[in-house]
Amino acid sequence: MVKMLVPYPENCTGCRFCEMACTIYHNGTINHADARLQVHRRNVRLDFPSVCTHCVSCGDECCVKHCPVDAIKHENGLVRVDQELCTACGECVEVCPFGVMRMEEKAFNCDLCDGHPTCVKFCPTKAIMYEEPKPEQYEKVKKLLAPEA
């Protein structure tokens, strides 16, 4: 069974503990801009997490398909960025439908904390779970991320 991060936007309170836990785990500091997931605020009553689906539900928007130098690959069910090959062109950031492919000097994304996602451990409302992928949950987030009419 492959496990991924699965968002439950209806449970999110916008506390951003998940972002804090992520940046502390990866960088040793709290910096929401460096989080490998994002909590979005649509209005005063709607916050929701957006997570890397490792292209399980990205279709043609998949960062792997759009990397011009093949620096992004699927390995063991995860999307991995080869830092040696990455040219920091930003194509992956532009195409990611969940807005979670990130860029500093090179591209990076969620690595599931080596199978023990810190964001899940620190989410008090279970707005992010580590379980089998649930396409319907990813679709909810895609709809929430779409520009408001």
N, C-alpha and C. Protein backbone atom coordinates (compact mmCIF):
# COMPACT_ATOMS: atom_id res chain seq x y z
N MET A 1 0.84 -1.19 0.00
CA MET A 1 0.00 0.00 0.00
C MET A 1 0.88 1.25 0.00
N VAL A 2 0.67 2.12 -0.97
CA VAL A 2 1.37 3.40 -1.05
C VAL A 2 0.62 4.41 -0.21
N LYS A 3 1.35 5.14 0.61
CA LYS A 3 0.74 6.20 1.41
C LYS A 3 1.21 7.55 0.90
N MET A 4 0.29 8.50 0.95
CA MET A 4 0.56 9.88 0.56
C MET A 4 -0.09 10.80 1.58
N LEU A 5 0.22 12.07 1.48
CA LEU A 5 -0.51 13.06 2.28
C LEU A 5 -1.87 13.25 1.63
N VAL A 6 -2.89 13.22 2.44
CA VAL A 6 -4.26 13.42 1.96
C VAL A 6 -4.85 14.59 2.74
N PRO A 7 -5.25 15.65 2.03
CA PRO A 7 -5.83 16.81 2.71
C PRO A 7 -7.32 16.64 2.97
N TYR A 8 -7.76 17.13 4.10
CA TYR A 8 -9.18 17.17 4.45
C TYR A 8 -9.50 18.63 4.75
N PRO A 9 -9.77 19.41 3.69
CA PRO A 9 -9.95 20.86 3.87
C PRO A 9 -11.05 21.24 4.85
N GLU A 10 -12.06 20.39 4.95
CA GLU A 10 -13.16 20.69 5.87
C GLU A 10 -12.73 20.66 7.33
N ASN A 11 -11.56 20.07 7.63
CA ASN A 11 -11.07 20.00 9.01
C ASN A 11 -10.08 21.10 9.36
N CYS A 12 -9.62 21.84 8.37
CA CYS A 12 -8.56 22.83 8.59
C CYS A 12 -9.09 24.07 9.31
N THR A 13 -8.35 24.51 10.33
CA THR A 13 -8.70 25.72 11.06
C THR A 13 -7.76 26.89 10.72
N GLY A 14 -6.75 26.61 9.91
CA GLY A 14 -5.80 27.66 9.54
C GLY A 14 -4.73 27.93 10.58
N CYS A 15 -4.51 27.01 11.50
CA CYS A 15 -3.52 27.22 12.56
C CYS A 15 -2.09 27.25 12.02
N ARG A 16 -1.84 26.59 10.90
CA ARG A 16 -0.55 26.53 10.23
C ARG A 16 0.52 25.79 11.01
N PHE A 17 0.11 24.98 11.99
CA PHE A 17 1.07 24.14 12.71
C PHE A 17 1.79 23.21 11.74
N CYS A 18 1.09 22.75 10.71
CA CYS A 18 1.69 21.86 9.72
C CYS A 18 2.87 22.54 9.01
N GLU A 19 2.69 23.80 8.63
CA GLU A 19 3.77 24.54 7.97
C GLU A 19 4.95 24.75 8.92
N MET A 20 4.64 25.09 10.17
CA MET A 20 5.70 25.29 11.16
C MET A 20 6.49 24.00 11.37
N ALA A 21 5.77 22.89 11.55
CA ALA A 21 6.44 21.60 11.78
C ALA A 21 7.31 21.22 10.59
N CYS A 22 6.82 21.48 9.39
CA CYS A 22 7.56 21.17 8.17
C CYS A 22 8.88 21.94 8.12
N THR A 23 8.82 23.23 8.35
CA THR A 23 10.04 24.04 8.22
C THR A 23 11.02 23.77 9.36
N ILE A 24 10.51 23.48 10.54
CA ILE A 24 11.42 23.12 11.64
C ILE A 24 12.13 21.81 11.31
N TYR A 25 11.38 20.83 10.81
CA TYR A 25 11.97 19.53 10.47
C TYR A 25 13.03 19.67 9.39
N HIS A 26 12.74 20.45 8.34
CA HIS A 26 13.65 20.53 7.20
C HIS A 26 14.73 21.60 7.33
N ASN A 27 14.42 22.71 8.00
CA ASN A 27 15.35 23.84 8.03
C ASN A 27 15.81 24.24 9.43
N GLY A 28 15.15 23.72 10.44
CA GLY A 28 15.51 24.09 11.81
C GLY A 28 14.98 25.45 12.22
N THR A 29 14.16 26.08 11.38
CA THR A 29 13.58 27.39 11.68
C THR A 29 12.12 27.40 11.26
N ILE A 30 11.40 28.41 11.72
CA ILE A 30 10.01 28.58 11.28
C ILE A 30 9.99 29.65 10.20
N ASN A 31 9.62 29.24 9.00
CA ASN A 31 9.48 30.17 7.88
C ASN A 31 8.41 29.60 6.97
N HIS A 32 7.22 30.12 7.07
CA HIS A 32 6.08 29.57 6.31
C HIS A 32 6.35 29.54 4.81
N ALA A 33 7.14 30.46 4.31
CA ALA A 33 7.44 30.50 2.87
C ALA A 33 8.24 29.29 2.41
N ASP A 34 8.94 28.64 3.32
CA ASP A 34 9.76 27.47 2.97
C ASP A 34 9.03 26.15 3.20
N ALA A 35 7.80 26.19 3.66
CA ALA A 35 7.06 24.95 3.92
C ALA A 35 6.82 24.19 2.63
N ARG A 36 6.85 22.89 2.70
CA ARG A 36 6.65 22.03 1.54
C ARG A 36 5.19 21.69 1.31
N LEU A 37 4.33 22.34 2.07
CA LEU A 37 2.88 22.32 1.89
C LEU A 37 2.42 23.74 2.17
N GLN A 38 1.21 24.06 1.84
CA GLN A 38 0.73 25.42 2.04
C GLN A 38 -0.67 25.40 2.63
N VAL A 39 -0.92 26.32 3.54
CA VAL A 39 -2.27 26.53 4.04
C VAL A 39 -2.76 27.81 3.37
N HIS A 40 -3.87 27.70 2.70
CA HIS A 40 -4.45 28.83 1.97
C HIS A 40 -5.67 29.35 2.71
N ARG A 41 -5.89 30.65 2.60
CA ARG A 41 -7.08 31.27 3.16
C ARG A 41 -7.91 31.80 2.00
N ARG A 42 -9.11 31.26 1.87
CA ARG A 42 -10.00 31.70 0.79
C ARG A 42 -10.85 32.88 1.27
N ASN A 43 -11.29 32.84 2.48
CA ASN A 43 -12.02 33.94 3.09
C ASN A 43 -11.93 33.75 4.60
N VAL A 44 -12.61 34.55 5.36
CA VAL A 44 -12.47 34.46 6.82
C VAL A 44 -12.97 33.15 7.40
N ARG A 45 -13.73 32.39 6.64
CA ARG A 45 -14.27 31.14 7.15
C ARG A 45 -13.70 29.90 6.48
N LEU A 46 -12.73 30.08 5.60
CA LEU A 46 -12.24 28.92 4.88
C LEU A 46 -10.72 28.93 4.75
N ASP A 47 -10.09 28.06 5.50
CA ASP A 47 -8.67 27.78 5.37
C ASP A 47 -8.57 26.34 4.90
N PHE A 48 -7.53 26.01 4.15
CA PHE A 48 -7.38 24.63 3.70
C PHE A 48 -5.93 24.34 3.34
N PRO A 49 -5.50 23.10 3.59
CA PRO A 49 -4.14 22.71 3.26
C PRO A 49 -4.03 22.24 1.82
N SER A 50 -2.89 22.53 1.21
CA SER A 50 -2.58 22.03 -0.12
C SER A 50 -1.27 21.27 0.01
N VAL A 51 -1.26 20.02 -0.43
CA VAL A 51 -0.11 19.13 -0.25
C VAL A 51 0.36 18.57 -1.59
N CYS A 52 1.59 18.13 -1.61
CA CYS A 52 2.13 17.46 -2.80
C CYS A 52 1.49 16.08 -2.90
N THR A 53 0.92 15.80 -4.06
CA THR A 53 0.31 14.49 -4.30
C THR A 53 1.26 13.55 -5.03
N HIS A 54 2.49 14.00 -5.21
CA HIS A 54 3.50 13.24 -5.95
C HIS A 54 2.96 12.83 -7.31
N CYS A 55 2.24 13.78 -7.89
CA CYS A 55 1.65 13.70 -9.24
C CYS A 55 0.63 12.58 -9.39
N VAL A 56 0.11 12.05 -8.28
CA VAL A 56 -0.94 11.04 -8.34
C VAL A 56 -2.18 11.61 -9.03
N SER A 57 -2.46 12.89 -8.81
CA SER A 57 -3.68 13.47 -9.36
C SER A 57 -3.44 14.72 -10.20
N CYS A 58 -2.23 14.87 -10.74
CA CYS A 58 -1.91 16.08 -11.49
C CYS A 58 -2.20 15.98 -12.99
N GLY A 59 -2.24 14.79 -13.54
CA GLY A 59 -2.50 14.65 -14.98
C GLY A 59 -1.43 15.33 -15.80
N ASP A 60 -1.85 16.13 -16.78
CA ASP A 60 -0.91 16.81 -17.67
C ASP A 60 -0.17 17.95 -16.99
N GLU A 61 -0.59 18.33 -15.79
CA GLU A 61 0.08 19.40 -15.06
C GLU A 61 1.25 18.88 -14.24
N CYS A 62 1.57 17.62 -14.38
CA CYS A 62 2.61 16.96 -13.59
C CYS A 62 3.97 17.63 -13.79
N CYS A 63 4.63 17.96 -12.70
CA CYS A 63 5.94 18.61 -12.77
C CYS A 63 6.97 17.71 -13.46
N VAL A 64 6.84 16.40 -13.29
CA VAL A 64 7.76 15.46 -13.92
C VAL A 64 7.72 15.62 -15.44
N LYS A 65 6.53 15.73 -16.00
CA LYS A 65 6.35 15.86 -17.45
C LYS A 65 6.88 17.18 -18.00
N HIS A 66 6.91 18.22 -17.15
CA HIS A 66 7.25 19.55 -17.63
C HIS A 66 8.68 19.98 -17.36
N CYS A 67 9.46 19.18 -16.67
CA CYS A 67 10.85 19.55 -16.39
C CYS A 67 11.67 19.42 -17.67
N PRO A 68 12.22 20.52 -18.17
CA PRO A 68 12.93 20.48 -19.45
C PRO A 68 14.27 19.75 -19.40
N VAL A 69 14.80 19.51 -18.21
CA VAL A 69 16.11 18.85 -18.10
C VAL A 69 16.01 17.48 -17.40
N ASP A 70 14.78 16.99 -17.24
CA ASP A 70 14.55 15.68 -16.59
C ASP A 70 15.19 15.57 -15.20
N ALA A 71 15.15 16.68 -14.46
CA ALA A 71 15.69 16.67 -13.10
C ALA A 71 14.67 16.13 -12.10
N ILE A 72 13.40 16.02 -12.51
CA ILE A 72 12.34 15.56 -11.62
C ILE A 72 11.88 14.20 -12.11
N LYS A 73 11.89 13.24 -11.20
CA LYS A 73 11.54 11.87 -11.56
C LYS A 73 10.68 11.23 -10.48
N HIS A 74 9.92 10.22 -10.88
CA HIS A 74 9.22 9.38 -9.91
C HIS A 74 10.19 8.30 -9.46
N GLU A 75 10.37 8.17 -8.16
CA GLU A 75 11.20 7.12 -7.59
C GLU A 75 10.46 6.53 -6.40
N ASN A 76 10.18 5.25 -6.50
CA ASN A 76 9.47 4.54 -5.42
C ASN A 76 8.16 5.23 -5.04
N GLY A 77 7.44 5.75 -6.04
CA GLY A 77 6.15 6.37 -5.82
C GLY A 77 6.20 7.84 -5.43
N LEU A 78 7.41 8.39 -5.25
CA LEU A 78 7.55 9.79 -4.86
C LEU A 78 8.17 10.60 -5.98
N VAL A 79 7.85 11.87 -6.01
CA VAL A 79 8.48 12.79 -6.94
C VAL A 79 9.74 13.31 -6.26
N ARG A 80 10.86 13.13 -6.93
CA ARG A 80 12.15 13.57 -6.39
C ARG A 80 12.82 14.52 -7.36
N VAL A 81 13.48 15.53 -6.82
CA VAL A 81 14.22 16.50 -7.63
C VAL A 81 15.71 16.20 -7.49
N ASP A 82 16.37 15.95 -8.60
CA ASP A 82 17.82 15.75 -8.62
C ASP A 82 18.45 17.14 -8.59
N GLN A 83 19.01 17.50 -7.46
CA GLN A 83 19.57 18.84 -7.27
C GLN A 83 20.74 19.12 -8.21
N GLU A 84 21.44 18.08 -8.62
CA GLU A 84 22.56 18.25 -9.55
C GLU A 84 22.07 18.65 -10.94
N LEU A 85 20.93 18.11 -11.36
CA LEU A 85 20.41 18.39 -12.71
C LEU A 85 19.53 19.63 -12.78
N CYS A 86 18.91 20.01 -11.67
CA CYS A 86 17.97 21.14 -11.65
C CYS A 86 18.68 22.44 -12.05
N THR A 87 18.06 23.16 -12.97
CA THR A 87 18.61 24.44 -13.42
C THR A 87 17.86 25.63 -12.82
N ALA A 88 16.90 25.35 -11.96
CA ALA A 88 16.10 26.40 -11.30
C ALA A 88 15.32 27.24 -12.31
N CYS A 89 14.85 26.61 -13.37
CA CYS A 89 14.10 27.33 -14.41
C CYS A 89 12.70 27.73 -13.93
N GLY A 90 12.14 26.99 -12.97
CA GLY A 90 10.84 27.33 -12.42
C GLY A 90 9.64 26.73 -13.14
N GLU A 91 9.87 25.95 -14.18
CA GLU A 91 8.76 25.32 -14.91
C GLU A 91 7.89 24.49 -13.96
N CYS A 92 8.51 23.74 -13.07
CA CYS A 92 7.77 22.88 -12.15
C CYS A 92 6.89 23.70 -11.21
N VAL A 93 7.39 24.83 -10.76
CA VAL A 93 6.63 25.70 -9.86
C VAL A 93 5.41 26.26 -10.59
N GLU A 94 5.61 26.66 -11.83
CA GLU A 94 4.52 27.23 -12.63
C GLU A 94 3.41 26.23 -12.90
N VAL A 95 3.75 24.97 -13.14
CA VAL A 95 2.77 23.99 -13.58
C VAL A 95 2.08 23.26 -12.42
N CYS A 96 2.65 23.25 -11.23
CA CYS A 96 2.09 22.48 -10.11
C CYS A 96 0.68 22.97 -9.77
N PRO A 97 -0.33 22.12 -9.94
CA PRO A 97 -1.71 22.56 -9.69
C PRO A 97 -2.02 22.80 -8.22
N PHE A 98 -1.15 22.33 -7.33
CA PHE A 98 -1.39 22.50 -5.91
C PHE A 98 -0.52 23.60 -5.30
N GLY A 99 0.37 24.19 -6.10
CA GLY A 99 1.21 25.28 -5.62
C GLY A 99 2.20 24.88 -4.56
N VAL A 100 2.65 23.63 -4.59
CA VAL A 100 3.54 23.16 -3.54
C VAL A 100 4.94 22.77 -4.02
N MET A 101 5.19 22.86 -5.32
CA MET A 101 6.57 22.72 -5.78
C MET A 101 7.22 24.05 -5.45
N ARG A 102 8.32 24.02 -4.74
CA ARG A 102 8.93 25.24 -4.21
C ARG A 102 10.27 25.50 -4.88
N MET A 103 10.75 26.72 -4.77
CA MET A 103 12.02 27.08 -5.39
C MET A 103 12.81 27.95 -4.43
N GLU A 104 14.04 27.56 -4.18
CA GLU A 104 15.01 28.44 -3.52
C GLU A 104 16.13 28.59 -4.54
N GLU A 105 17.28 28.02 -4.26
CA GLU A 105 18.32 27.99 -5.28
C GLU A 105 18.00 26.94 -6.33
N LYS A 106 17.30 25.88 -5.92
CA LYS A 106 16.87 24.79 -6.80
C LYS A 106 15.44 24.42 -6.38
N ALA A 107 14.77 23.65 -7.22
CA ALA A 107 13.41 23.21 -6.91
C ALA A 107 13.44 22.18 -5.78
N PHE A 108 12.38 22.15 -5.00
CA PHE A 108 12.22 21.12 -3.98
C PHE A 108 10.74 20.91 -3.71
N ASN A 109 10.41 19.77 -3.14
CA ASN A 109 9.02 19.45 -2.83
C ASN A 109 8.97 18.58 -1.58
N CYS A 110 7.79 18.15 -1.25
CA CYS A 110 7.60 17.29 -0.08
C CYS A 110 8.33 15.97 -0.27
N ASP A 111 9.03 15.54 0.77
CA ASP A 111 9.71 14.24 0.74
C ASP A 111 9.08 13.27 1.74
N LEU A 112 7.90 13.63 2.24
CA LEU A 112 7.16 12.85 3.23
C LEU A 112 7.99 12.56 4.49
N CYS A 113 8.98 13.39 4.74
CA CYS A 113 9.81 13.25 5.93
C CYS A 113 10.29 11.80 6.12
N ASP A 114 10.72 11.22 5.03
CA ASP A 114 11.20 9.83 5.02
C ASP A 114 10.19 8.84 5.59
N GLY A 115 8.91 9.06 5.27
CA GLY A 115 7.86 8.14 5.67
C GLY A 115 7.22 8.44 7.01
N HIS A 116 7.60 9.56 7.61
CA HIS A 116 7.02 9.96 8.90
C HIS A 116 6.67 11.44 8.85
N PRO A 117 5.65 11.82 8.05
CA PRO A 117 5.36 13.24 7.82
C PRO A 117 5.10 14.03 9.10
N THR A 118 5.95 14.99 9.32
CA THR A 118 5.86 15.83 10.51
C THR A 118 4.59 16.66 10.51
N CYS A 119 4.16 17.11 9.34
CA CYS A 119 2.95 17.93 9.27
C CYS A 119 1.74 17.17 9.81
N VAL A 120 1.67 15.88 9.54
CA VAL A 120 0.56 15.05 10.01
C VAL A 120 0.59 14.93 11.52
N LYS A 121 1.77 14.73 12.08
CA LYS A 121 1.92 14.58 13.53
C LYS A 121 1.45 15.82 14.29
N PHE A 122 1.64 17.00 13.68
CA PHE A 122 1.33 18.23 14.38
C PHE A 122 0.02 18.88 13.97
N CYS A 123 -0.75 18.23 13.11
CA CYS A 123 -2.05 18.78 12.73
C CYS A 123 -3.08 18.37 13.78
N PRO A 124 -3.56 19.31 14.59
CA PRO A 124 -4.47 18.96 15.68
C PRO A 124 -5.88 18.56 15.24
N THR A 125 -6.25 18.89 13.99
CA THR A 125 -7.62 18.63 13.54
C THR A 125 -7.72 17.54 12.47
N LYS A 126 -6.59 16.90 12.17
CA LYS A 126 -6.55 15.86 11.14
C LYS A 126 -6.97 16.39 9.76
N ALA A 127 -6.51 17.60 9.47
CA ALA A 127 -6.76 18.18 8.14
C ALA A 127 -5.79 17.61 7.12
N ILE A 128 -4.73 16.96 7.60
CA ILE A 128 -3.77 16.25 6.74
C ILE A 128 -3.55 14.89 7.36
N MET A 129 -3.71 13.87 6.54
CA MET A 129 -3.50 12.50 7.01
C MET A 129 -2.50 11.81 6.10
N TYR A 130 -1.84 10.78 6.61
CA TYR A 130 -0.89 9.98 5.84
C TYR A 130 -1.55 8.63 5.61
N GLU A 131 -2.07 8.43 4.40
CA GLU A 131 -2.86 7.25 4.10
C GLU A 131 -2.88 7.00 2.60
N GLU A 132 -3.62 6.00 2.18
CA GLU A 132 -3.74 5.73 0.75
C GLU A 132 -4.30 6.97 0.07
N PRO A 133 -3.80 7.26 -1.15
CA PRO A 133 -4.30 8.45 -1.87
C PRO A 133 -5.82 8.40 -2.05
N LYS A 134 -6.43 9.56 -1.92
CA LYS A 134 -7.87 9.71 -2.11
C LYS A 134 -8.10 10.82 -3.13
N PRO A 135 -8.26 10.43 -4.41
CA PRO A 135 -8.42 11.43 -5.48
C PRO A 135 -9.52 12.44 -5.21
N GLU A 136 -10.60 12.02 -4.57
CA GLU A 136 -11.70 12.95 -4.31
C GLU A 136 -11.26 14.09 -3.38
N GLN A 137 -10.34 13.81 -2.46
CA GLN A 137 -9.85 14.85 -1.57
C GLN A 137 -8.95 15.82 -2.32
N TYR A 138 -8.13 15.32 -3.24
CA TYR A 138 -7.28 16.19 -4.04
C TYR A 138 -8.13 17.08 -4.94
N GLU A 139 -9.22 16.53 -5.45
CA GLU A 139 -10.12 17.32 -6.31
C GLU A 139 -10.77 18.45 -5.53
N LYS A 140 -11.11 18.20 -4.26
CA LYS A 140 -11.67 19.27 -3.42
C LYS A 140 -10.70 20.44 -3.34
N VAL A 141 -9.41 20.13 -3.13
CA VAL A 141 -8.40 21.18 -3.01
C VAL A 141 -8.21 21.89 -4.34
N LYS A 142 -8.19 21.14 -5.45
CA LYS A 142 -8.06 21.78 -6.77
C LYS A 142 -9.19 22.79 -6.99
N LYS A 143 -10.40 22.42 -6.61
CA LYS A 143 -11.54 23.33 -6.78
C LYS A 143 -11.38 24.57 -5.89
N LEU A 144 -10.89 24.37 -4.68
CA LEU A 144 -10.68 25.51 -3.77
C LEU A 144 -9.58 26.43 -4.28
N LEU A 145 -8.58 25.87 -4.95
CA LEU A 145 -7.48 26.68 -5.49
C LEU A 145 -7.82 27.42 -6.77
N ALA A 146 -8.90 27.00 -7.43
CA ALA A 146 -9.31 27.66 -8.68
C ALA A 146 -9.69 29.11 -8.38
N PRO A 147 -9.39 30.00 -9.32
CA PRO A 147 -9.77 31.41 -9.10
C PRO A 147 -11.26 31.55 -8.86
N GLU A 148 -11.58 32.41 -7.93
CA GLU A 148 -13.00 32.65 -7.63
C GLU A 148 -13.67 33.39 -8.77
N ALA A 149 -14.90 33.00 -9.06
CA ALA A 149 -15.64 33.66 -10.15
C ALA A 149 -16.28 34.94 -9.68
